């Protein structure tokens, strides 16, 4: 099972639809229900081995930022494609 909760409402868990698209069974795609609020979600997976650590869904990953670009007092825009 996959569980998701908005970071702003951790009391309400959503059950995303899970699709297995990897023939080696290493990856899944979890789709939030229609009408879910856009934003950042905490996601957990539960199976016979227990619970996974929490992962973030829709979190920006600023992997191409240097200290030169992001220093104190500078406004930058962070965008993510996921």
Protein backbone atom coordinates (compact mmCIF):
# COMPACT_ATOMS: atom_id res chain seq x y z
CA UNK A 1 0.00 0.00 0.00
CA UNK A 2 1.08 3.57 -0.67
CA UNK A 3 -0.02 6.35 1.66
CA UNK A 4 0.29 10.08 1.03
CA UNK A 5 -0.46 13.12 3.19
CA UNK A 6 -0.18 16.81 2.40
CA UNK A 7 2.53 18.45 4.47
CA UNK A 8 -0.18 20.92 5.55
CA UNK A 9 -2.71 18.26 6.68
CA UNK A 10 -0.94 15.18 8.05
CA UNK A 11 -4.14 13.84 9.63
CA UNK A 12 -5.76 13.09 6.24
CA UNK A 13 -4.12 10.23 4.35
CA UNK A 14 -4.75 9.62 0.67
CA UNK A 15 -4.47 6.25 -1.04
CA UNK A 16 -2.88 6.83 -4.45
CA UNK A 17 -3.59 4.47 -7.34
CA UNK A 18 -0.47 2.36 -7.89
CA UNK A 19 0.68 1.21 -11.33
CA UNK A 20 3.60 -1.16 -11.89
CA UNK A 21 5.35 -0.03 -15.09
CA UNK A 22 8.82 -1.47 -14.52
CA UNK A 23 9.21 -5.03 -15.83
CA UNK A 24 11.82 -5.74 -13.12
CA UNK A 25 9.42 -4.56 -10.36
CA UNK A 26 11.83 -1.95 -8.99
CA UNK A 27 9.61 1.11 -9.56
CA UNK A 28 5.95 2.07 -9.36
CA UNK A 29 3.90 5.13 -10.30
CA UNK A 30 1.56 6.45 -7.62
CA UNK A 31 -1.22 8.76 -8.84
CA UNK A 32 -3.08 10.89 -6.31
CA UNK A 33 -6.90 10.77 -6.43
CA UNK A 34 -8.72 13.31 -8.63
CA UNK A 35 -9.41 16.50 -6.71
CA UNK A 36 -6.31 16.23 -4.53
CA UNK A 37 -4.84 19.57 -3.57
CA UNK A 38 -1.70 20.40 -5.57
CA UNK A 39 1.43 20.73 -3.46
CA UNK A 40 4.04 18.92 -1.43
CA UNK A 41 3.19 15.47 -0.03
CA UNK A 42 4.82 13.05 2.38
CA UNK A 43 4.65 9.49 1.00
CA UNK A 44 5.11 6.12 2.72
CA UNK A 45 4.99 2.57 1.39
CA UNK A 46 3.90 -0.36 3.52
CA UNK A 47 4.47 -4.02 2.66
CA UNK A 48 5.09 -7.30 4.46
CA UNK A 49 8.50 -5.96 5.61
CA UNK A 50 7.00 -2.90 7.32
CA UNK A 51 6.98 0.84 6.61
CA UNK A 52 9.36 2.75 4.36
CA UNK A 53 11.00 6.00 5.43
CA UNK A 54 9.02 9.10 4.47
CA UNK A 55 9.73 10.45 0.97
CA UNK A 56 8.69 13.81 -0.46
CA UNK A 57 6.50 14.01 -3.56
CA UNK A 58 6.66 17.20 -5.67
CA UNK A 59 9.59 18.64 -3.71
CA UNK A 60 11.96 20.86 -5.70
CA UNK A 61 15.49 19.52 -6.02
CA UNK A 62 17.94 22.40 -6.49
CA UNK A 63 20.74 20.25 -7.91
CA UNK A 64 22.24 22.85 -10.25
CA UNK A 65 22.73 25.62 -7.71
CA UNK A 66 26.15 26.79 -6.65
CA UNK A 67 27.17 28.85 -3.64
CA UNK A 68 27.88 31.68 -6.07
CA UNK A 69 24.25 31.70 -7.27
CA UNK A 70 22.54 31.16 -3.91
CA UNK A 71 24.13 33.35 -1.29
CA UNK A 72 22.61 35.28 1.59
CA UNK A 73 20.46 38.20 0.46
CA UNK A 74 19.93 37.02 -3.13
CA UNK A 75 16.43 36.13 -4.36
CA UNK A 76 16.30 33.13 -6.65
CA UNK A 77 13.46 31.16 -8.21
CA UNK A 78 13.50 27.40 -7.68
CA UNK A 79 11.51 25.28 -10.13
CA UNK A 80 11.25 21.53 -10.37
CA UNK A 81 10.18 19.15 -13.11
CA UNK A 82 8.90 15.88 -11.74
